[in-house]
Amino acid sequence: MAYQKVVEMLGDNLASLLELAKKWLVDWAVDAKKLLHALQNIRKDDLLGLVDGTHEIKAKPQPEKFALLADLGTITVPDDYVHGKELGSLNQKDFYYFNTNATDKNFPNPSRILKPGDKLRVRAFKQVSPGSTTSVERMEFLAKQKAVHTGAQGASLVYKQKRNELPKGYWYCSFDEKDRLWKDAVGYHRVPYVRADTDGDFEFSLGNFGHDWRAGI
C-alpha cells in the first residue's frame, strides 16, 4: 500500500511527515485521497526534502475579494472648508433620499479630519467574490491599500467634486473604525455612504457596520 511504502521510505522522519500531512489536510484542505496518491508517486529525495524543509511548500493562493472599480484622481479640500459644518452644507433636496441622521454632530471624529488645502487621491473598490463580506474584512483590505478614513465629511466632498465620475449602480461607503462611527438608538454603528443610482439620482444614507455587505455595495 502507498502508506506502507512511504513509512519504509521515511523511517525516523515519519513524525515530521505526519505533521506535514496535518498541515496539508487541515490548514490547506487538501483532499486526503489526492494527498495519498501524491505521496505514492513522489520521489524519495523530494519527499525527504519536503519533510526536512529544504523544498518549499506554497499554500494555494486565496482569490481576491475586492478589486479596483474606479480611480477618481485627486480631490482638494476647499479653502472655506469647515469640518463641523460640511454635512450641513449639503442641499438635501439634491438627493432622492437623505438620511437626516447624517450630521456633523453625529460624525464629529473620523480617523482623519480634513483641513483646507488637503489633497487626497480617491479610489473606489468593489467586491468581486461571491456572497457577502463583513465590515472587518473590508477594513482589513483598506488597510492594505493604506487608505485614510475621512468619515461622512469625506463622502460629502467626493459627492461634491466627483459625483459625475462615479460608476452608477454602486454604494460608496466611507468606512472607519467602529468606535468612530455614530451609534444609533438601537445600538448599531452606522457607516455613511453615497449611492449613485443607475438613473442618475443620488442617495446619502447610513449602513450598519455590524451587518454583512454584498457585492455592489
C-alpha atoms as a PDB file:
ATOM      1  CA  MET A   1       0.000   0.000   0.000  1.00  0.00           C
ATOM      2  CA  ALA A   2       1.092   3.591  -0.583  1.00  0.00           C
ATOM      3  CA  TYR A   3       1.195   4.438   3.123  1.00  0.00           C
ATOM      4  CA  GLN A   4       3.453   1.456   3.903  1.00  0.00           C
ATOM      5  CA  LYS A   5       5.843   2.457   1.127  1.00  0.00           C
ATOM      6  CA  VAL A   6       6.028   5.980   2.496  1.00  0.00           C
ATOM      7  CA  VAL A   7       6.696   4.703   6.022  1.00  0.00           C
ATOM      8  CA  GLU A   8       9.531   2.484   4.799  1.00  0.00           C
ATOM      9  CA  MET A   9      10.978   5.359   2.787  1.00  0.00           C
ATOM     10  CA  LEU A  10      10.992   7.834   5.641  1.00  0.00           C
ATOM     11  CA  GLY A  11      11.992   5.729   8.602  1.00  0.00           C
ATOM     12  CA  ASP A  12      12.803   8.076  11.501  1.00  0.00           C
ATOM     13  CA  ASN A  13      11.313  11.044   9.625  1.00  0.00           C
ATOM     14  CA  LEU A  14       7.787   9.659   9.874  1.00  0.00           C
ATOM     15  CA  ALA A  15       6.741  12.045  12.673  1.00  0.00           C
ATOM     16  CA  SER A  16       7.736  15.017  10.564  1.00  0.00           C
ATOM     17  CA  LEU A  17       5.731  13.676   7.653  1.00  0.00           C
ATOM     18  CA  LEU A  18       2.656  13.275   9.830  1.00  0.00           C
ATOM     19  CA  GLU A  19       2.955  16.883  10.965  1.00  0.00           C
ATOM     20  CA  LEU A  20       3.333  17.951   7.346  1.00  0.00           C
ATOM     21  CA  ALA A  21       0.318  15.870   6.315  1.00  0.00           C
ATOM     22  CA  LYS A  22      -1.732  17.505   9.079  1.00  0.00           C
ATOM     23  CA  LYS A  23      -0.886  20.924   7.633  1.00  0.00           C
ATOM     24  CA  TRP A  24      -1.928  19.751   4.172  1.00  0.00           C
ATOM     25  CA  LEU A  25      -5.177  18.194   5.338  1.00  0.00           C
ATOM     26  CA  VAL A  26      -6.289  20.696   7.990  1.00  0.00           C
ATOM     27  CA  ASP A  27      -4.728  24.053   7.149  1.00  0.00           C
ATOM     28  CA  TRP A  28      -4.837  23.792   3.372  1.00  0.00           C
ATOM     29  CA  ALA A  29      -7.830  21.441   2.996  1.00  0.00           C
ATOM     30  CA  VAL A  30      -6.088  19.084   0.565  1.00  0.00           C
ATOM     31  CA  ASP A  31      -8.237  16.094  -0.376  1.00  0.00           C
ATOM     32  CA  ALA A  32      -6.969  13.043   1.550  1.00  0.00           C
ATOM     33  CA  LYS A  33      -7.104  10.692  -1.482  1.00  0.00           C
ATOM     34  CA  LYS A  34      -5.196  13.143  -3.643  1.00  0.00           C
ATOM     35  CA  LEU A  35      -2.576  13.574  -0.923  1.00  0.00           C
ATOM     36  CA  LEU A  36      -2.092   9.812  -0.584  1.00  0.00           C
ATOM     37  CA  HIS A  37      -1.804   9.450  -4.337  1.00  0.00           C
ATOM     38  CA  ALA A  38       0.811  12.207  -4.455  1.00  0.00           C
ATOM     39  CA  LEU A  39       2.857  10.577  -1.692  1.00  0.00           C
ATOM     40  CA  GLN A  40       2.733   7.248  -3.513  1.00  0.00           C
ATOM     41  CA  ASN A  41       4.220   8.732  -6.647  1.00  0.00           C
ATOM     42  CA  ILE A  42       6.687  11.234  -5.206  1.00  0.00           C
ATOM     43  CA  ARG A  43      10.408  10.591  -5.479  1.00  0.00           C
ATOM     44  CA  LYS A  44      12.229   9.677  -2.275  1.00  0.00           C
ATOM     45  CA  ASP A  45      14.594  12.672  -2.434  1.00  0.00           C
ATOM     46  CA  ASP A  46      11.684  15.071  -2.957  1.00  0.00           C
ATOM     47  CA  LEU A  47       9.692  13.586  -0.115  1.00  0.00           C
ATOM     48  CA  LEU A  48      12.612  13.782   2.296  1.00  0.00           C
ATOM     49  CA  GLY A  49      13.248  17.331   1.145  1.00  0.00           C
ATOM     50  CA  LEU A  50       9.683  18.338   1.977  1.00  0.00           C
ATOM     51  CA  VAL A  51       9.981  16.853   5.440  1.00  0.00           C
ATOM     52  CA  ASP A  52      13.395  18.416   6.104  1.00  0.00           C
ATOM     53  CA  GLY A  53      12.241  21.803   4.891  1.00  0.00           C
ATOM     54  CA  THR A  54      14.717  22.030   2.021  1.00  0.00           C
ATOM     55  CA  HIS A  55      11.869  22.029  -0.514  1.00  0.00           C
ATOM     56  CA  GLU A  56       9.475  24.955  -0.452  1.00  0.00           C
ATOM     57  CA  ILE A  57       5.772  24.315   0.037  1.00  0.00           C
ATOM     58  CA  LYS A  58       3.424  27.056  -1.050  1.00  0.00           C
ATOM     59  CA  ALA A  59      -0.163  27.304   0.122  1.00  0.00           C
ATOM     60  CA  LYS A  60      -2.764  27.695  -2.578  1.00  0.00           C
ATOM     61  CA  PRO A  61      -3.281  31.436  -3.085  1.00  0.00           C
ATOM     62  CA  GLN A  62      -6.658  32.702  -1.992  1.00  0.00           C
ATOM     63  CA  PRO A  63      -8.728  34.539  -4.600  1.00  0.00           C
ATOM     64  CA  GLU A  64      -9.025  38.284  -4.142  1.00  0.00           C
ATOM     65  CA  LYS A  65     -12.270  39.523  -2.615  1.00  0.00           C
ATOM     66  CA  PHE A  66     -12.013  43.099  -3.878  1.00  0.00           C
ATOM     67  CA  ALA A  67     -10.784  44.874  -6.995  1.00  0.00           C
ATOM     68  CA  LEU A  68     -10.422  48.450  -8.196  1.00  0.00           C
ATOM     69  CA  LEU A  69     -13.666  49.891  -9.536  1.00  0.00           C
ATOM     70  CA  ALA A  70     -12.545  53.431 -10.357  1.00  0.00           C
ATOM     71  CA  ASP A  71      -9.570  55.720  -9.823  1.00  0.00           C
ATOM     72  CA  LEU A  72     -11.203  59.103  -9.365  1.00  0.00           C
ATOM     73  CA  GLY A  73      -7.997  61.106  -9.189  1.00  0.00           C
ATOM     74  CA  THR A  74      -7.438  63.799  -6.591  1.00  0.00           C
ATOM     75  CA  ILE A  75      -9.806  65.888  -4.544  1.00  0.00           C
ATOM     76  CA  THR A  76      -8.705  69.131  -2.940  1.00  0.00           C
ATOM     77  CA  VAL A  77     -10.316  70.294   0.270  1.00  0.00           C
ATOM     78  CA  PRO A  78     -11.631  73.846  -0.392  1.00  0.00           C
ATOM     79  CA  ASP A  79     -10.146  76.846   1.375  1.00  0.00           C
ATOM     80  CA  ASP A  80     -13.507  77.595   3.010  1.00  0.00           C
ATOM     81  CA  TYR A  81     -13.957  74.043   4.299  1.00  0.00           C
ATOM     82  CA  VAL A  82     -15.136  73.757   7.917  1.00  0.00           C
ATOM     83  CA  HIS A  83     -15.149  70.221   9.289  1.00  0.00           C
ATOM     84  CA  GLY A  84     -18.001  70.802  11.732  1.00  0.00           C
ATOM     85  CA  LYS A  85     -20.250  72.267   9.036  1.00  0.00           C
ATOM     86  CA  GLU A  86     -19.526  70.124   5.971  1.00  0.00           C
ATOM     87  CA  LEU A  87     -22.569  67.843   6.104  1.00  0.00           C
ATOM     88  CA  GLY A  88     -24.784  70.780   6.907  1.00  0.00           C
ATOM     89  CA  SER A  89     -23.624  72.458   3.695  1.00  0.00           C
ATOM     90  CA  LEU A  90     -25.200  69.728   1.539  1.00  0.00           C
ATOM     91  CA  ASN A  91     -28.504  70.580  -0.098  1.00  0.00           C
ATOM     92  CA  GLN A  92     -30.664  67.636   0.952  1.00  0.00           C
ATOM     93  CA  LYS A  93     -33.101  68.376  -1.897  1.00  0.00           C
ATOM     94  CA  ASP A  94     -30.377  67.338  -4.365  1.00  0.00           C
ATOM     95  CA  PHE A  95     -30.784  63.732  -3.193  1.00  0.00           C
ATOM     96  CA  TYR A  96     -33.737  61.450  -3.801  1.00  0.00           C
ATOM     97  CA  TYR A  97     -33.139  60.303  -0.212  1.00  0.00           C
ATOM     98  CA  PHE A  98     -31.055  61.890   2.540  1.00  0.00           C
ATOM     99  CA  ASN A  99     -30.765  60.278   5.969  1.00  0.00           C
ATOM    100  CA  THR A 100     -31.243  63.129   8.424  1.00  0.00           C
ATOM    101  CA  ASN A 101     -29.003  61.363  10.950  1.00  0.00           C
ATOM    102  CA  ALA A 102     -26.037  62.023   8.665  1.00  0.00           C
ATOM    103  CA  THR A 103     -24.989  65.148  10.540  1.00  0.00           C
ATOM    104  CA  ASP A 104     -21.714  66.721  11.608  1.00  0.00           C
ATOM    105  CA  LYS A 105     -22.879  66.328  15.205  1.00  0.00           C
ATOM    106  CA  ASN A 106     -23.249  62.559  14.816  1.00  0.00           C
ATOM    107  CA  PHE A 107     -19.980  62.117  12.897  1.00  0.00           C
ATOM    108  CA  PRO A 108     -17.548  64.565  14.518  1.00  0.00           C
ATOM    109  CA  ASN A 109     -14.432  62.449  14.855  1.00  0.00           C
ATOM    110  CA  PRO A 110     -13.272  60.422  11.824  1.00  0.00           C
ATOM    111  CA  SER A 111      -9.781  58.929  11.843  1.00  0.00           C
ATOM    112  CA  ARG A 112      -8.627  61.715   9.515  1.00  0.00           C
ATOM    113  CA  ILE A 113     -10.112  65.170   9.980  1.00  0.00           C
ATOM    114  CA  LEU A 114      -9.748  67.067   6.731  1.00  0.00           C
ATOM    115  CA  LYS A 115      -8.285  70.549   6.577  1.00  0.00           C
ATOM    116  CA  PRO A 116      -8.423  73.248   3.906  1.00  0.00           C
ATOM    117  CA  GLY A 117      -5.851  72.620   1.200  1.00  0.00           C
ATOM    118  CA  ASP A 118      -5.556  68.854   1.819  1.00  0.00           C
ATOM    119  CA  LYS A 119      -5.187  66.814  -1.359  1.00  0.00           C
ATOM    120  CA  LEU A 120      -6.237  63.179  -1.375  1.00  0.00           C
ATOM    121  CA  ARG A 121      -6.285  60.518  -4.048  1.00  0.00           C
ATOM    122  CA  VAL A 122      -9.683  58.872  -4.294  1.00  0.00           C
ATOM    123  CA  ARG A 123     -10.177  55.276  -5.412  1.00  0.00           C
ATOM    124  CA  ALA A 124     -13.291  53.127  -5.215  1.00  0.00           C
ATOM    125  CA  PHE A 125     -13.109  49.350  -4.856  1.00  0.00           C
ATOM    126  CA  LYS A 126     -15.799  46.760  -5.457  1.00  0.00           C
ATOM    127  CA  GLN A 127     -16.372  43.281  -4.095  1.00  0.00           C
ATOM    128  CA  VAL A 128     -15.652  40.606  -6.709  1.00  0.00           C
ATOM    129  CA  SER A 129     -16.075  37.500  -4.562  1.00  0.00           C
ATOM    130  CA  PRO A 130     -19.483  35.811  -4.378  1.00  0.00           C
ATOM    131  CA  GLY A 131     -21.679  36.080  -1.312  1.00  0.00           C
ATOM    132  CA  SER A 132     -21.107  38.716   1.331  1.00  0.00           C
ATOM    133  CA  THR A 133     -18.227  40.232   3.284  1.00  0.00           C
ATOM    134  CA  THR A 134     -18.021  41.827   6.711  1.00  0.00           C
ATOM    135  CA  SER A 135     -17.033  45.361   7.630  1.00  0.00           C
ATOM    136  CA  VAL A 136     -13.933  43.924   9.303  1.00  0.00           C
ATOM    137  CA  GLU A 137     -12.883  42.222   6.054  1.00  0.00           C
ATOM    138  CA  ARG A 138     -13.364  45.456   4.183  1.00  0.00           C
ATOM    139  CA  MET A 139     -11.396  47.439   6.754  1.00  0.00           C
ATOM    140  CA  GLU A 140      -8.561  44.905   6.539  1.00  0.00           C
ATOM    141  CA  PHE A 141      -8.492  45.295   2.771  1.00  0.00           C
ATOM    142  CA  LEU A 142      -8.470  49.084   3.056  1.00  0.00           C
ATOM    143  CA  ALA A 143      -5.565  48.875   5.489  1.00  0.00           C
ATOM    144  CA  LYS A 144      -3.566  47.013   2.831  1.00  0.00           C
ATOM    145  CA  GLN A 145      -4.339  49.871   0.441  1.00  0.00           C
ATOM    146  CA  LYS A 146      -3.060  52.344   3.061  1.00  0.00           C
ATOM    147  CA  ALA A 147      -6.422  54.097   2.989  1.00  0.00           C
ATOM    148  CA  VAL A 148      -7.242  57.043   5.228  1.00  0.00           C
ATOM    149  CA  HIS A 149     -10.707  57.246   6.745  1.00  0.00           C
ATOM    150  CA  THR A 150     -12.237  60.689   6.307  1.00  0.00           C
ATOM    151  CA  GLY A 151     -15.723  59.879   7.560  1.00  0.00           C
ATOM    152  CA  ALA A 152     -19.044  61.260   6.394  1.00  0.00           C
ATOM    153  CA  GLN A 153     -17.357  64.559   5.555  1.00  0.00           C
ATOM    154  CA  GLY A 154     -15.054  62.780   3.099  1.00  0.00           C
ATOM    155  CA  ALA A 155     -18.066  61.142   1.449  1.00  0.00           C
ATOM    156  CA  SER A 156     -19.637  64.580   1.154  1.00  0.00           C
ATOM    157  CA  LEU A 157     -16.600  66.017  -0.628  1.00  0.00           C
ATOM    158  CA  VAL A 158     -16.434  63.052  -3.010  1.00  0.00           C
ATOM    159  CA  TYR A 159     -20.063  63.661  -3.890  1.00  0.00           C
ATOM    160  CA  LYS A 160     -19.484  67.369  -4.455  1.00  0.00           C
ATOM    161  CA  GLN A 161     -16.347  67.005  -6.571  1.00  0.00           C
ATOM    162  CA  LYS A 162     -16.576  63.579  -8.204  1.00  0.00           C
ATOM    163  CA  ARG A 163     -20.234  62.565  -8.441  1.00  0.00           C
ATOM    164  CA  ASN A 164     -20.275  62.712 -12.248  1.00  0.00           C
ATOM    165  CA  GLU A 165     -17.324  60.306 -12.365  1.00  0.00           C
ATOM    166  CA  LEU A 166     -18.766  57.703 -10.002  1.00  0.00           C
ATOM    167  CA  PRO A 167     -19.748  54.485 -11.827  1.00  0.00           C
ATOM    168  CA  LYS A 168     -23.504  54.153 -11.454  1.00  0.00           C
ATOM    169  CA  GLY A 169     -25.280  51.367  -9.606  1.00  0.00           C
ATOM    170  CA  TYR A 170     -22.970  51.250  -6.567  1.00  0.00           C
ATOM    171  CA  TRP A 171     -22.913  52.302  -2.929  1.00  0.00           C
ATOM    172  CA  TYR A 172     -19.773  54.245  -1.959  1.00  0.00           C
ATOM    173  CA  CYS A 173     -19.203  53.578   1.733  1.00  0.00           C
ATOM    174  CA  SER A 174     -16.899  55.654   3.898  1.00  0.00           C
ATOM    175  CA  PHE A 175     -15.683  53.078   6.413  1.00  0.00           C
ATOM    176  CA  ASP A 176     -13.926  53.876   9.667  1.00  0.00           C
ATOM    177  CA  GLU A 177     -13.049  52.249  12.954  1.00  0.00           C
ATOM    178  CA  LYS A 178     -16.200  51.090  14.692  1.00  0.00           C
ATOM    179  CA  ASP A 179     -15.811  53.342  17.743  1.00  0.00           C
ATOM    180  CA  ARG A 180     -15.556  56.417  15.490  1.00  0.00           C
ATOM    181  CA  LEU A 181     -18.949  55.785  13.913  1.00  0.00           C
ATOM    182  CA  TRP A 182     -22.229  57.153  15.223  1.00  0.00           C
ATOM    183  CA  LYS A 183     -24.199  54.621  17.282  1.00  0.00           C
ATOM    184  CA  ASP A 184     -27.947  54.876  16.852  1.00  0.00           C
ATOM    185  CA  ALA A 185     -30.655  54.302  19.467  1.00  0.00           C
ATOM    186  CA  VAL A 186     -30.787  50.589  18.666  1.00  0.00           C
ATOM    187  CA  GLY A 187     -27.034  50.236  19.188  1.00  0.00           C
ATOM    188  CA  TYR A 188     -25.936  49.953  15.548  1.00  0.00           C
ATOM    189  CA  HIS A 189     -22.767  51.729  14.443  1.00  0.00           C
ATOM    190  CA  ARG A 190     -23.608  53.451  11.177  1.00  0.00           C
ATOM    191  CA  VAL A 191     -21.463  53.708   8.054  1.00  0.00           C
ATOM    192  CA  PRO A 192     -22.000  56.769   5.826  1.00  0.00           C
ATOM    193  CA  TYR A 193     -22.415  56.103   2.125  1.00  0.00           C
ATOM    194  CA  VAL A 194     -23.313  57.782  -1.135  1.00  0.00           C
ATOM    195  CA  ARG A 195     -25.369  55.707  -3.537  1.00  0.00           C
ATOM    196  CA  ALA A 196     -25.127  56.501  -7.234  1.00  0.00           C
ATOM    197  CA  ASP A 197     -28.254  55.126  -8.907  1.00  0.00           C
ATOM    198  CA  THR A 198     -28.299  53.932 -12.487  1.00  0.00           C
ATOM    199  CA  ASP A 199     -30.863  56.625 -13.352  1.00  0.00           C
ATOM    200  CA  GLY A 200     -28.507  59.393 -12.218  1.00  0.00           C
ATOM    201  CA  ASP A 201     -30.058  60.059  -8.803  1.00  0.00           C
ATOM    202  CA  PHE A 202     -28.071  60.051  -5.563  1.00  0.00           C
ATOM    203  CA  GLU A 203     -28.751  58.949  -2.007  1.00  0.00           C
ATOM    204  CA  PHE A 204     -26.837  59.930   1.121  1.00  0.00           C
ATOM    205  CA  SER A 205     -27.543  57.438   3.859  1.00  0.00           C
ATOM    206  CA  LEU A 206     -26.163  55.167   6.568  1.00  0.00           C
ATOM    207  CA  GLY A 207     -25.437  51.446   6.576  1.00  0.00           C
ATOM    208  CA  ASN A 208     -24.738  49.188   9.554  1.00  0.00           C
ATOM    209  CA  PHE A 209     -21.168  48.282  10.482  1.00  0.00           C
ATOM    210  CA  GLY A 210     -22.321  45.046  12.113  1.00  0.00           C
ATOM    211  CA  HIS A 211     -24.184  43.773   9.050  1.00  0.00           C
ATOM    212  CA  ASP A 212     -22.644  41.878   6.158  1.00  0.00           C
ATOM    213  CA  TRP A 213     -22.243  43.603   2.792  1.00  0.00           C
ATOM    214  CA  ARG A 214     -22.956  42.104  -0.606  1.00  0.00           C
ATOM    215  CA  ALA A 215     -21.346  42.738  -3.987  1.00  0.00           C
ATOM    216  CA  GLY A 216     -22.344  46.117  -5.430  1.00  0.00           C
ATOM    217  CA  ILE A 217     -22.116  47.818  -2.038  1.00  0.00           C
END
